[in-house]
Amino acid sequence: MAQVKVDQLETGSPTVLTYEISDEKLKTLNIRRFENYSEEWARFILMNRNNPVDVPAHDYDIVIGPIANDRVGLQLWRYENHSIDLQTLVRNLQYMKGITIQYFFGTERAVKLLHRI
């Protein structure tokens, strides 16, 4: 992804920063975890994508779950435009290859607990 961003900007060099957080520190945070694509995951993603204000649509410090990349975005767009229903959306996502899990650190409280390595 770092190389893709450099290629898009046509300047700079790719840099990857690595962080860790202890299990003990994680226990102090409000975390929402989605194990895989589900109707609940889809509603959560759409709630955040369609949030019209700068205030977060949820109060989680960290959200962990499948990434909503371009391929997923197309399926979400089809759902929002009523081309498919919610069950079809989730079924289509479940048949996609290569689920990648992402970690979203959404509060300053969570970010402050990260340790750069």
PDB file of N, CA and C in Angstrom:
ATOM      1  N   MET A   1       0.827  -1.186   0.000  1.00  0.00           N
ATOM      2  CA  MET A   1       0.000   0.000   0.000  1.00  0.00           C
ATOM      3  C   MET A   1       0.875   1.255   0.000  1.00  0.00           C
ATOM      4  N   ALA A   2       1.993   1.213   0.708  1.00  0.00           N
ATOM      5  CA  ALA A   2       2.891   2.371   0.723  1.00  0.00           C
ATOM      6  C   ALA A   2       3.392   2.671  -0.679  1.00  0.00           C
ATOM      7  N   GLN A   3       3.761   1.635  -1.432  1.00  0.00           N
ATOM      8  CA  GLN A   3       4.233   1.842  -2.798  1.00  0.00           C
ATOM      9  C   GLN A   3       3.118   2.376  -3.691  1.00  0.00           C
ATOM     10  N   VAL A   4       1.909   1.898  -3.509  1.00  0.00           N
ATOM     11  CA  VAL A   4       0.772   2.387  -4.299  1.00  0.00           C
ATOM     12  C   VAL A   4       0.578   3.877  -4.071  1.00  0.00           C
ATOM     13  N   LYS A   5       0.660   4.317  -2.827  1.00  0.00           N
ATOM     14  CA  LYS A   5       0.484   5.739  -2.517  1.00  0.00           C
ATOM     15  C   LYS A   5       1.587   6.583  -3.142  1.00  0.00           C
ATOM     16  N   VAL A   6       2.816   6.112  -3.088  1.00  0.00           N
ATOM     17  CA  VAL A   6       3.929   6.832  -3.724  1.00  0.00           C
ATOM     18  C   VAL A   6       3.686   6.921  -5.234  1.00  0.00           C
ATOM     19  N   ASP A   7       3.250   5.819  -5.837  1.00  0.00           N
ATOM     20  CA  ASP A   7       2.973   5.818  -7.278  1.00  0.00           C
ATOM     21  C   ASP A   7       1.853   6.797  -7.622  1.00  0.00           C
ATOM     22  N   GLN A   8       0.821   6.863  -6.781  1.00  0.00           N
ATOM     23  CA  GLN A   8      -0.287   7.785  -7.035  1.00  0.00           C
ATOM     24  C   GLN A   8       0.160   9.245  -6.949  1.00  0.00           C
ATOM     25  N   LEU A   9       0.973   9.545  -5.961  1.00  0.00           N
ATOM     26  CA  LEU A   9       1.441  10.920  -5.752  1.00  0.00           C
ATOM     27  C   LEU A   9       2.610  11.292  -6.668  1.00  0.00           C
ATOM     28  N   GLU A  10       3.245  10.250  -7.204  1.00  0.00           N
ATOM     29  CA  GLU A  10       4.409  10.428  -8.073  1.00  0.00           C
ATOM     30  C   GLU A  10       5.547  11.182  -7.380  1.00  0.00           C
ATOM     31  N   THR A  11       5.677  10.973  -6.090  1.00  0.00           N
ATOM     32  CA  THR A  11       6.765  11.578  -5.321  1.00  0.00           C
ATOM     33  C   THR A  11       6.961  10.797  -4.023  1.00  0.00           C
ATOM     34  N   GLY A  12       8.142  10.927  -3.430  1.00  0.00           N
ATOM     35  CA  GLY A  12       8.421  10.301  -2.143  1.00  0.00           C
ATOM     36  C   GLY A  12       8.913   8.879  -2.271  1.00  0.00           C
ATOM     37  N   SER A  13       9.065   8.242  -1.116  1.00  0.00           N
ATOM     38  CA  SER A  13       9.466   6.844  -1.082  1.00  0.00           C
ATOM     39  C   SER A  13       8.572   6.123  -0.075  1.00  0.00           C
ATOM     40  N   PRO A  14       8.284   4.860  -0.335  1.00  0.00           N
ATOM     41  CA  PRO A  14       7.377   4.130   0.560  1.00  0.00           C
ATOM     42  C   PRO A  14       7.977   3.951   1.954  1.00  0.00           C
ATOM     43  N   THR A  15       7.159   4.197   2.960  1.00  0.00           N
ATOM     44  CA  THR A  15       7.576   4.045   4.346  1.00  0.00           C
ATOM     45  C   THR A  15       6.480   3.299   5.104  1.00  0.00           C
ATOM     46  N   VAL A  16       6.875   2.301   5.852  1.00  0.00           N
ATOM     47  CA  VAL A  16       5.930   1.543   6.661  1.00  0.00           C
ATOM     48  C   VAL A  16       6.357   1.677   8.117  1.00  0.00           C
ATOM     49  N   LEU A  17       5.440   2.137   8.945  1.00  0.00           N
ATOM     50  CA  LEU A  17       5.690   2.255  10.375  1.00  0.00           C
ATOM     51  C   LEU A  17       5.014   1.084  11.076  1.00  0.00           C
ATOM     52  N   THR A  18       5.669   0.525  12.073  1.00  0.00           N
ATOM     53  CA  THR A  18       5.145  -0.631  12.788  1.00  0.00           C
ATOM     54  C   THR A  18       4.921  -0.270  14.248  1.00  0.00           C
ATOM     55  N   TYR A  19       3.755  -0.663  14.761  1.00  0.00           N
ATOM     56  CA  TYR A  19       3.388  -0.386  16.149  1.00  0.00           C
ATOM     57  C   TYR A  19       2.919  -1.658  16.817  1.00  0.00           C
ATOM     58  N   GLU A  20       2.950  -1.651  18.131  1.00  0.00           N
ATOM     59  CA  GLU A  20       2.389  -2.755  18.906  1.00  0.00           C
ATOM     60  C   GLU A  20       1.630  -2.183  20.088  1.00  0.00           C
ATOM     61  N   ILE A  21       0.756  -3.007  20.643  1.00  0.00           N
ATOM     62  CA  ILE A  21       0.007  -2.624  21.835  1.00  0.00           C
ATOM     63  C   ILE A  21      -0.118  -3.881  22.683  1.00  0.00           C
ATOM     64  N   SER A  22       0.062  -3.740  23.970  1.00  0.00           N
ATOM     65  CA  SER A  22       0.020  -4.913  24.843  1.00  0.00           C
ATOM     66  C   SER A  22      -1.420  -5.368  25.061  1.00  0.00           C
ATOM     67  N   ASP A  23      -1.561  -6.654  25.346  1.00  0.00           N
ATOM     68  CA  ASP A  23      -2.883  -7.200  25.634  1.00  0.00           C
ATOM     69  C   ASP A  23      -3.501  -6.532  26.858  1.00  0.00           C
ATOM     70  N   GLU A  24      -2.674  -6.203  27.836  1.00  0.00           N
ATOM     71  CA  GLU A  24      -3.173  -5.542  29.047  1.00  0.00           C
ATOM     72  C   GLU A  24      -3.790  -4.188  28.724  1.00  0.00           C
ATOM     73  N   LYS A  25      -3.132  -3.436  27.858  1.00  0.00           N
ATOM     74  CA  LYS A  25      -3.652  -2.119  27.465  1.00  0.00           C
ATOM     75  C   LYS A  25      -4.930  -2.256  26.652  1.00  0.00           C
ATOM     76  N   LEU A  26      -4.998  -3.294  25.820  1.00  0.00           N
ATOM     77  CA  LEU A  26      -6.211  -3.521  25.031  1.00  0.00           C
ATOM     78  C   LEU A  26      -7.430  -3.728  25.917  1.00  0.00           C
ATOM     79  N   LYS A  27      -7.222  -4.347  27.070  1.00  0.00           N
ATOM     80  CA  LYS A  27      -8.334  -4.636  27.980  1.00  0.00           C
ATOM     81  C   LYS A  27      -8.981  -3.371  28.515  1.00  0.00           C
ATOM     82  N   THR A  28      -8.295  -2.238  28.439  1.00  0.00           N
ATOM     83  CA  THR A  28      -8.837  -0.979  28.972  1.00  0.00           C
ATOM     84  C   THR A  28      -9.664  -0.228  27.936  1.00  0.00           C
ATOM     85  N   LEU A  29      -9.742  -0.744  26.709  1.00  0.00           N
ATOM     86  CA  LEU A  29     -10.386  -0.020  25.618  1.00  0.00           C
ATOM     87  C   LEU A  29     -11.738  -0.623  25.246  1.00  0.00           C
ATOM     88  N   ASN A  30     -12.576   0.215  24.649  1.00  0.00           N
ATOM     89  CA  ASN A  30     -13.870  -0.197  24.127  1.00  0.00           C
ATOM     90  C   ASN A  30     -13.647  -0.662  22.684  1.00  0.00           C
ATOM     91  N   ILE A  31     -13.711  -1.982  22.462  1.00  0.00           N
ATOM     92  CA  ILE A  31     -13.350  -2.559  21.170  1.00  0.00           C
ATOM     93  C   ILE A  31     -14.553  -3.268  20.562  1.00  0.00           C
ATOM     94  N   ARG A  32     -14.750  -3.041  19.269  1.00  0.00           N
ATOM     95  CA  ARG A  32     -15.787  -3.748  18.505  1.00  0.00           C
ATOM     96  C   ARG A  32     -15.077  -4.637  17.494  1.00  0.00           C
ATOM     97  N   ARG A  33     -15.380  -5.929  17.506  1.00  0.00           N
ATOM     98  CA  ARG A  33     -14.716  -6.888  16.614  1.00  0.00           C
ATOM     99  C   ARG A  33     -15.762  -7.565  15.723  1.00  0.00           C
ATOM    100  N   PHE A  34     -15.459  -7.570  14.420  1.00  0.00           N
ATOM    101  CA  PHE A  34     -16.248  -8.314  13.437  1.00  0.00           C
ATOM    102  C   PHE A  34     -15.350  -9.415  12.900  1.00  0.00           C
ATOM    103  N   GLU A  35     -15.745 -10.658  13.085  1.00  0.00           N
ATOM    104  CA  GLU A  35     -14.912 -11.783  12.667  1.00  0.00           C
ATOM    105  C   GLU A  35     -14.929 -11.988  11.153  1.00  0.00           C
ATOM    106  N   ASN A  36     -16.040 -11.644  10.516  1.00  0.00           N
ATOM    107  CA  ASN A  36     -16.164 -11.825   9.073  1.00  0.00           C
ATOM    108  C   ASN A  36     -17.280 -10.924   8.560  1.00  0.00           C
ATOM    109  N   TYR A  37     -17.515 -10.978   7.255  1.00  0.00           N
ATOM    110  CA  TYR A  37     -18.600 -10.206   6.678  1.00  0.00           C
ATOM    111  C   TYR A  37     -19.935 -10.730   7.214  1.00  0.00           C
ATOM    112  N   SER A  38     -20.782  -9.818   7.626  1.00  0.00           N
ATOM    113  CA  SER A  38     -22.097 -10.182   8.147  1.00  0.00           C
ATOM    114  C   SER A  38     -23.031  -8.999   7.914  1.00  0.00           C
ATOM    115  N   GLU A  39     -24.327  -9.223   8.133  1.00  0.00           N
ATOM    116  CA  GLU A  39     -25.272  -8.118   8.008  1.00  0.00           C
ATOM    117  C   GLU A  39     -24.949  -7.029   9.028  1.00  0.00           C
ATOM    118  N   GLU A  40     -24.567  -7.431  10.228  1.00  0.00           N
ATOM    119  CA  GLU A  40     -24.210  -6.463  11.266  1.00  0.00           C
ATOM    120  C   GLU A  40     -22.994  -5.634  10.830  1.00  0.00           C
ATOM    121  N   TRP A  41     -21.968  -6.298  10.254  1.00  0.00           N
ATOM    122  CA  TRP A  41     -20.791  -5.600   9.750  1.00  0.00           C
ATOM    123  C   TRP A  41     -21.185  -4.611   8.663  1.00  0.00           C
ATOM    124  N   ALA A  42     -22.019  -5.050   7.722  1.00  0.00           N
ATOM    125  CA  ALA A  42     -22.437  -4.181   6.613  1.00  0.00           C
ATOM    126  C   ALA A  42     -23.182  -2.952   7.123  1.00  0.00           C
ATOM    127  N   ARG A  43     -24.093  -3.143   8.058  1.00  0.00           N
ATOM    128  CA  ARG A  43     -24.829  -1.994   8.621  1.00  0.00           C
ATOM    129  C   ARG A  43     -23.871  -1.032   9.322  1.00  0.00           C
ATOM    130  N   PHE A  44     -22.889  -1.571  10.031  1.00  0.00           N
ATOM    131  CA  PHE A  44     -21.915  -0.731  10.728  1.00  0.00           C
ATOM    132  C   PHE A  44     -21.083   0.080   9.734  1.00  0.00           C
ATOM    133  N   ILE A  45     -20.599  -0.567   8.671  1.00  0.00           N
ATOM    134  CA  ILE A  45     -19.806   0.130   7.656  1.00  0.00           C
ATOM    135  C   ILE A  45     -20.640   1.221   6.990  1.00  0.00           C
ATOM    136  N   LEU A  46     -21.864   0.899   6.614  1.00  0.00           N
ATOM    137  CA  LEU A  46     -22.724   1.886   5.960  1.00  0.00           C
ATOM    138  C   LEU A  46     -23.056   3.042   6.897  1.00  0.00           C
ATOM    139  N   MET A  47     -23.275   2.757   8.172  1.00  0.00           N
ATOM    140  CA  MET A  47     -23.544   3.813   9.152  1.00  0.00           C
ATOM    141  C   MET A  47     -22.380   4.798   9.186  1.00  0.00           C
ATOM    142  N   ASN A  48     -21.160   4.283   9.157  1.00  0.00           N
ATOM    143  CA  ASN A  48     -19.983   5.153   9.207  1.00  0.00           C
ATOM    144  C   ASN A  48     -19.759   5.879   7.889  1.00  0.00           C
ATOM    145  N   ARG A  49     -19.924   5.197   6.781  1.00  0.00           N
ATOM    146  CA  ARG A  49     -19.718   5.825   5.474  1.00  0.00           C
ATOM    147  C   ARG A  49     -20.752   6.907   5.193  1.00  0.00           C
ATOM    148  N   ASN A  50     -21.956   6.740   5.724  1.00  0.00           N
ATOM    149  CA  ASN A  50     -23.036   7.692   5.458  1.00  0.00           C
ATOM    150  C   ASN A  50     -23.206   8.714   6.571  1.00  0.00           C
ATOM    151  N   ASN A  51     -22.272   8.762   7.495  1.00  0.00           N
ATOM    152  CA  ASN A  51     -22.328   9.718   8.602  1.00  0.00           C
ATOM    153  C   ASN A  51     -22.098  11.132   8.052  1.00  0.00           C
ATOM    154  N   PRO A  52     -23.096  12.019   8.137  1.00  0.00           N
ATOM    155  CA  PRO A  52     -22.965  13.342   7.520  1.00  0.00           C
ATOM    156  C   PRO A  52     -22.208  14.373   8.361  1.00  0.00           C
ATOM    157  N   VAL A  53     -21.791  14.011   9.566  1.00  0.00           N
ATOM    158  CA  VAL A  53     -21.134  14.972  10.456  1.00  0.00           C
ATOM    159  C   VAL A  53     -19.715  14.505  10.788  1.00  0.00           C
ATOM    160  N   ASP A  54     -18.927  15.387  11.379  1.00  0.00           N
ATOM    161  CA  ASP A  54     -17.545  15.069  11.733  1.00  0.00           C
ATOM    162  C   ASP A  54     -17.429  14.262  13.022  1.00  0.00           C
ATOM    163  N   VAL A  55     -18.515  14.131  13.749  1.00  0.00           N
ATOM    164  CA  VAL A  55     -18.517  13.363  14.992  1.00  0.00           C
ATOM    165  C   VAL A  55     -18.662  11.883  14.640  1.00  0.00           C
ATOM    166  N   PRO A  56     -17.825  11.014  15.221  1.00  0.00           N
ATOM    167  CA  PRO A  56     -17.924   9.580  14.908  1.00  0.00           C
ATOM    168  C   PRO A  56     -19.325   9.031  15.151  1.00  0.00           C
ATOM    169  N   ALA A  57     -19.710   8.059  14.350  1.00  0.00           N
ATOM    170  CA  ALA A  57     -21.026   7.440  14.462  1.00  0.00           C
ATOM    171  C   ALA A  57     -21.070   6.361  15.542  1.00  0.00           C
ATOM    172  N   HIS A  58     -19.954   6.128  16.211  1.00  0.00           N
ATOM    173  CA  HIS A  58     -19.879   5.110  17.269  1.00  0.00           C
ATOM    174  C   HIS A  58     -18.883   5.582  18.324  1.00  0.00           C
ATOM    175  N   ASP A  59     -18.863   4.882  19.454  1.00  0.00           N
ATOM    176  CA  ASP A  59     -17.971   5.281  20.549  1.00  0.00           C
ATOM    177  C   ASP A  59     -16.864   4.266  20.830  1.00  0.00           C
ATOM    178  N   TYR A  60     -16.532   3.432  19.855  1.00  0.00           N
ATOM    179  CA  TYR A  60     -15.487   2.436  20.052  1.00  0.00           C
ATOM    180  C   TYR A  60     -14.105   3.074  19.922  1.00  0.00           C
ATOM    181  N   ASP A  61     -13.184   2.650  20.784  1.00  0.00           N
ATOM    182  CA  ASP A  61     -11.793   3.091  20.673  1.00  0.00           C
ATOM    183  C   ASP A  61     -11.117   2.414  19.480  1.00  0.00           C
ATOM    184  N   ILE A  62     -11.417   1.129  19.300  1.00  0.00           N
ATOM    185  CA  ILE A  62     -10.831   0.339  18.222  1.00  0.00           C
ATOM    186  C   ILE A  62     -11.939  -0.485  17.573  1.00  0.00           C
ATOM    187  N   VAL A  63     -11.887  -0.565  16.249  1.00  0.00           N
ATOM    188  CA  VAL A  63     -12.782  -1.458  15.512  1.00  0.00           C
ATOM    189  C   VAL A  63     -11.891  -2.393  14.697  1.00  0.00           C
ATOM    190  N   ILE A  64     -12.153  -3.695  14.821  1.00  0.00           N
ATOM    191  CA  ILE A  64     -11.380  -4.717  14.124  1.00  0.00           C
ATOM    192  C   ILE A  64     -12.343  -5.501  13.246  1.00  0.00           C
ATOM    193  N   GLY A  65     -11.984  -5.654  11.978  1.00  0.00           N
ATOM    194  CA  GLY A  65     -12.860  -6.423  11.109  1.00  0.00           C
ATOM    195  C   GLY A  65     -12.398  -6.404   9.673  1.00  0.00           C
ATOM    196  N   PRO A  66     -13.165  -7.076   8.810  1.00  0.00           N
ATOM    197  CA  PRO A  66     -12.800  -7.133   7.397  1.00  0.00           C
ATOM    198  C   PRO A  66     -12.689  -5.732   6.796  1.00  0.00           C
ATOM    199  N   ILE A  67     -11.709  -5.563   5.940  1.00  0.00           N
ATOM    200  CA  ILE A  67     -11.474  -4.280   5.302  1.00  0.00           C
ATOM    201  C   ILE A  67     -12.570  -4.007   4.272  1.00  0.00           C
ATOM    202  N   ALA A  68     -12.945  -2.760   4.160  1.00  0.00           N
ATOM    203  CA  ALA A  68     -13.940  -2.340   3.174  1.00  0.00           C
ATOM    204  C   ALA A  68     -13.199  -1.670   2.019  1.00  0.00           C
ATOM    205  N   ASN A  69     -12.532  -2.480   1.191  1.00  0.00           N
ATOM    206  CA  ASN A  69     -11.728  -1.950   0.087  1.00  0.00           C
ATOM    207  C   ASN A  69     -12.604  -1.673  -1.141  1.00  0.00           C
ATOM    208  N   ASP A  70     -11.978  -1.433  -2.289  1.00  0.00           N
ATOM    209  CA  ASP A  70     -12.731  -1.089  -3.500  1.00  0.00           C
ATOM    210  C   ASP A  70     -13.687  -2.191  -3.933  1.00  0.00           C
ATOM    211  N   ARG A  71     -13.251  -3.440  -3.835  1.00  0.00           N
ATOM    212  CA  ARG A  71     -14.142  -4.543  -4.226  1.00  0.00           C
ATOM    213  C   ARG A  71     -15.371  -4.586  -3.324  1.00  0.00           C
ATOM    214  N   VAL A  72     -15.156  -4.381  -2.039  1.00  0.00           N
ATOM    215  CA  VAL A  72     -16.269  -4.342  -1.088  1.00  0.00           C
ATOM    216  C   VAL A  72     -17.120  -3.104  -1.352  1.00  0.00           C
ATOM    217  N   GLY A  73     -16.459  -1.986  -1.653  1.00  0.00           N
ATOM    218  CA  GLY A  73     -17.172  -0.737  -1.923  1.00  0.00           C
ATOM    219  C   GLY A  73     -18.169  -0.869  -3.058  1.00  0.00           C
ATOM    220  N   LEU A  74     -17.820  -1.622  -4.102  1.00  0.00           N
ATOM    221  CA  LEU A  74     -18.735  -1.842  -5.217  1.00  0.00           C
ATOM    222  C   LEU A  74     -19.987  -2.562  -4.744  1.00  0.00           C
ATOM    223  N   GLN A  75     -19.818  -3.578  -3.911  1.00  0.00           N
ATOM    224  CA  GLN A  75     -20.978  -4.309  -3.394  1.00  0.00           C
ATOM    225  C   GLN A  75     -21.837  -3.418  -2.493  1.00  0.00           C
ATOM    226  N   LEU A  76     -21.200  -2.583  -1.668  1.00  0.00           N
ATOM    227  CA  LEU A  76     -21.946  -1.650  -0.821  1.00  0.00           C
ATOM    228  C   LEU A  76     -22.731  -0.658  -1.679  1.00  0.00           C
ATOM    229  N   TRP A  77     -22.106  -0.189  -2.765  1.00  0.00           N
ATOM    230  CA  TRP A  77     -22.777   0.741  -3.672  1.00  0.00           C
ATOM    231  C   TRP A  77     -24.003   0.077  -4.289  1.00  0.00           C
ATOM    232  N   ARG A  78     -23.860  -1.170  -4.706  1.00  0.00           N
ATOM    233  CA  ARG A  78     -24.995  -1.903  -5.289  1.00  0.00           C
ATOM    234  C   ARG A  78     -26.130  -2.019  -4.276  1.00  0.00           C
ATOM    235  N   TYR A  79     -25.793  -2.266  -3.016  1.00  0.00           N
ATOM    236  CA  TYR A  79     -26.820  -2.352  -1.970  1.00  0.00           C
ATOM    237  C   TYR A  79     -27.486  -0.996  -1.761  1.00  0.00           C
ATOM    238  N   GLU A  80     -26.695   0.061  -1.644  1.00  0.00           N
ATOM    239  CA  GLU A  80     -27.260   1.390  -1.399  1.00  0.00           C
ATOM    240  C   GLU A  80     -28.126   1.872  -2.556  1.00  0.00           C
ATOM    241  N   ASN A  81     -27.851   1.386  -3.768  1.00  0.00           N
ATOM    242  CA  ASN A  81     -28.646   1.759  -4.940  1.00  0.00           C
ATOM    243  C   ASN A  81     -29.764   0.755  -5.227  1.00  0.00           C
ATOM    244  N   HIS A  82     -30.026  -0.096  -4.261  1.00  0.00           N
ATOM    245  CA  HIS A  82     -31.142  -1.051  -4.303  1.00  0.00           C
ATOM    246  C   HIS A  82     -31.035  -2.058  -5.444  1.00  0.00           C
ATOM    247  N   SER A  83     -29.805  -2.327  -5.889  1.00  0.00           N
ATOM    248  CA  SER A  83     -29.606  -3.371  -6.897  1.00  0.00           C
ATOM    249  C   SER A  83     -29.599  -4.748  -6.262  1.00  0.00           C
ATOM    250  N   ILE A  84     -29.196  -4.811  -4.984  1.00  0.00           N
ATOM    251  CA  ILE A  84     -29.192  -6.067  -4.233  1.00  0.00           C
ATOM    252  C   ILE A  84     -29.709  -5.789  -2.824  1.00  0.00           C
ATOM    253  N   ASP A  85     -30.206  -6.824  -2.157  1.00  0.00           N
ATOM    254  CA  ASP A  85     -30.651  -6.659  -0.775  1.00  0.00           C
ATOM    255  C   ASP A  85     -29.499  -6.972   0.184  1.00  0.00           C
ATOM    256  N   LEU A  86     -29.738  -6.783   1.470  1.00  0.00           N
ATOM    257  CA  LEU A  86     -28.683  -6.958   2.474  1.00  0.00           C
ATOM    258  C   LEU A  86     -28.159  -8.389   2.511  1.00  0.00           C
ATOM    259  N   GLN A  87     -29.051  -9.353   2.396  1.00  0.00           N
ATOM    260  CA  GLN A  87     -28.607 -10.758   2.410  1.00  0.00           C
ATOM    261  C   GLN A  87     -27.717 -11.068   1.210  1.00  0.00           C
ATOM    262  N   THR A  88     -28.051 -10.528   0.043  1.00  0.00           N
ATOM    263  CA  THR A  88     -27.232 -10.741  -1.156  1.00  0.00           C
ATOM    264  C   THR A  88     -25.891 -10.052  -1.005  1.00  0.00           C
ATOM    265  N   LEU A  89     -25.892  -8.861  -0.430  1.00  0.00           N
ATOM    266  CA  LEU A  89     -24.640  -8.143  -0.173  1.00  0.00           C
ATOM    267  C   LEU A  89     -23.697  -9.013   0.647  1.00  0.00           C
ATOM    268  N   VAL A  90     -24.173  -9.512   1.759  1.00  0.00           N
ATOM    269  CA  VAL A  90     -23.330 -10.317   2.642  1.00  0.00           C
ATOM    270  C   VAL A  90     -22.897 -11.600   1.940  1.00  0.00           C
ATOM    271  N   ARG A  91     -23.793 -12.256   1.222  1.00  0.00           N
ATOM    272  CA  ARG A  91     -23.444 -13.488   0.496  1.00  0.00           C
ATOM    273  C   ARG A  91     -22.354 -13.199  -0.545  1.00  0.00           C
ATOM    274  N   ASN A  92     -22.486 -12.102  -1.294  1.00  0.00           N
ATOM    275  CA  ASN A  92     -21.469 -11.742  -2.290  1.00  0.00           C
ATOM    276  C   ASN A  92     -20.119 -11.486  -1.630  1.00  0.00           C
ATOM    277  N   LEU A  93     -20.120 -10.830  -0.485  1.00  0.00           N
ATOM    278  CA  LEU A  93     -18.863 -10.535   0.209  1.00  0.00           C
ATOM    279  C   LEU A  93     -18.215 -11.802   0.745  1.00  0.00           C
ATOM    280  N   GLN A  94     -19.028 -12.728   1.226  1.00  0.00           N
ATOM    281  CA  GLN A  94     -18.485 -13.953   1.788  1.00  0.00           C
ATOM    282  C   GLN A  94     -17.809 -14.818   0.738  1.00  0.00           C
ATOM    283  N   TYR A  95     -18.195 -14.675  -0.528  1.00  0.00           N
ATOM    284  CA  TYR A  95     -17.597 -15.476  -1.597  1.00  0.00           C
ATOM    285  C   TYR A  95     -16.383 -14.807  -2.226  1.00  0.00           C
ATOM    286  N   MET A  96     -16.066 -13.592  -1.792  1.00  0.00           N
ATOM    287  CA  MET A  96     -14.862 -12.931  -2.299  1.00  0.00           C
ATOM    288  C   MET A  96     -13.641 -13.581  -1.672  1.00  0.00           C
ATOM    289  N   LYS A  97     -12.579 -13.673  -2.439  1.00  0.00           N
ATOM    290  CA  LYS A  97     -11.344 -14.275  -1.926  1.00  0.00           C
ATOM    291  C   LYS A  97     -10.537 -13.234  -1.178  1.00  0.00           C
ATOM    292  N   GLY A  98      -9.812 -13.678  -0.173  1.00  0.00           N
ATOM    293  CA  GLY A  98      -8.833 -12.825   0.480  1.00  0.00           C
ATOM    294  C   GLY A  98      -9.366 -11.802   1.453  1.00  0.00           C
ATOM    295  N   ILE A  99     -10.119 -12.239   2.439  1.00  0.00           N
ATOM    296  CA  ILE A  99     -10.561 -11.300   3.468  1.00  0.00           C
ATOM    297  C   ILE A  99      -9.322 -10.788   4.201  1.00  0.00           C
ATOM    298  N   THR A 100      -9.195  -9.483   4.274  1.00  0.00           N
ATOM    299  CA  THR A 100      -8.101  -8.850   4.994  1.00  0.00           C
ATOM    300  C   THR A 100      -8.680  -8.123   6.196  1.00  0.00           C
ATOM    301  N   ILE A 101      -8.120  -8.383   7.351  1.00  0.00           N
ATOM    302  CA  ILE A 101      -8.610  -7.759   8.584  1.00  0.00           C
ATOM    303  C   ILE A 101      -7.857  -6.449   8.815  1.00  0.00           C
ATOM    304  N   GLN A 102      -8.609  -5.404   9.172  1.00  0.00           N
ATOM    305  CA  GLN A 102      -7.987  -4.120   9.481  1.00  0.00           C
ATOM    306  C   GLN A 102      -8.303  -3.736  10.925  1.00  0.00           C
ATOM    307  N   TYR A 103      -7.413  -2.934  11.481  1.00  0.00           N
ATOM    308  CA  TYR A 103      -7.574  -2.401  12.828  1.00  0.00           C
ATOM    309  C   TYR A 103      -7.729  -0.900  12.705  1.00  0.00           C
ATOM    310  N   PHE A 104      -8.817  -0.355  13.207  1.00  0.00           N
ATOM    311  CA  PHE A 104      -9.067   1.083  13.187  1.00  0.00           C
ATOM    312  C   PHE A 104      -8.925   1.617  14.609  1.00  0.00           C
ATOM    313  N   PHE A 105      -7.911   2.443  14.826  1.00  0.00           N
ATOM    314  CA  PHE A 105      -7.719   3.106  16.114  1.00  0.00           C
ATOM    315  C   PHE A 105      -8.376   4.467  15.994  1.00  0.00           C
ATOM    316  N   GLY A 106      -9.565   4.615  16.576  1.00  0.00           N
ATOM    317  CA  GLY A 106     -10.389   5.783  16.321  1.00  0.00           C
ATOM    318  C   GLY A 106     -10.397   6.856  17.383  1.00  0.00           C
ATOM    319  N   THR A 107      -9.724   6.613  18.495  1.00  0.00           N
ATOM    320  CA  THR A 107      -9.710   7.641  19.535  1.00  0.00           C
ATOM    321  C   THR A 107      -8.269   7.955  19.924  1.00  0.00           C
ATOM    322  N   GLU A 108      -8.072   9.147  20.413  1.00  0.00           N
ATOM    323  CA  GLU A 108      -6.742   9.535  20.881  1.00  0.00           C
ATOM    324  C   GLU A 108      -6.305   8.625  22.023  1.00  0.00           C
ATOM    325  N   ARG A 109      -7.259   8.235  22.842  1.00  0.00           N
ATOM    326  CA  ARG A 109      -6.968   7.315  23.947  1.00  0.00           C
ATOM    327  C   ARG A 109      -6.333   6.025  23.430  1.00  0.00           C
ATOM    328  N   ALA A 110      -6.874   5.470  22.347  1.00  0.00           N
ATOM    329  CA  ALA A 110      -6.341   4.229  21.777  1.00  0.00           C
ATOM    330  C   ALA A 110      -4.984   4.467  21.119  1.00  0.00           C
ATOM    331  N   VAL A 111      -4.856   5.532  20.385  1.00  0.00           N
ATOM    332  CA  VAL A 111      -3.607   5.825  19.682  1.00  0.00           C
ATOM    333  C   VAL A 111      -2.460   6.029  20.667  1.00  0.00           C
ATOM    334  N   LYS A 112      -2.735   6.666  21.801  1.00  0.00           N
ATOM    335  CA  LYS A 112      -1.690   6.916  22.798  1.00  0.00           C
ATOM    336  C   LYS A 112      -1.127   5.638  23.404  1.00  0.00           C
ATOM    337  N   LEU A 113      -1.858   4.540  23.311  1.00  0.00           N
ATOM    338  CA  LEU A 113      -1.408   3.271  23.868  1.00  0.00           C
ATOM    339  C   LEU A 113      -0.504   2.484  22.914  1.00  0.00           C
ATOM    340  N   LEU A 114      -0.412   2.948  21.671  1.00  0.00           N
ATOM    341  CA  LEU A 114       0.456   2.282  20.692  1.00  0.00           C
ATOM    342  C   LEU A 114       1.924   2.583  20.995  1.00  0.00           C
ATOM    343  N   HIS A 115       2.746   1.580  20.763  1.00  0.00           N
ATOM    344  CA  HIS A 115       4.191   1.726  20.957  1.00  0.00           C
ATOM    345  C   HIS A 115       4.871   1.451  19.619  1.00  0.00           C
ATOM    346  N   ARG A 116       5.604   2.443  19.116  1.00  0.00           N
ATOM    347  CA  ARG A 116       6.292   2.275  17.834  1.00  0.00           C
ATOM    348  C   ARG A 116       7.497   1.371  18.002  1.00  0.00           C
ATOM    349  N   ILE A 117       7.642   0.381  17.102  1.00  0.00           N
ATOM    350  CA  ILE A 117       8.780  -0.537  17.170  1.00  0.00           C
ATOM    351  C   ILE A 117       9.617  -0.405  15.904  1.00  0.00           C
TER     352      ILE A 117
END
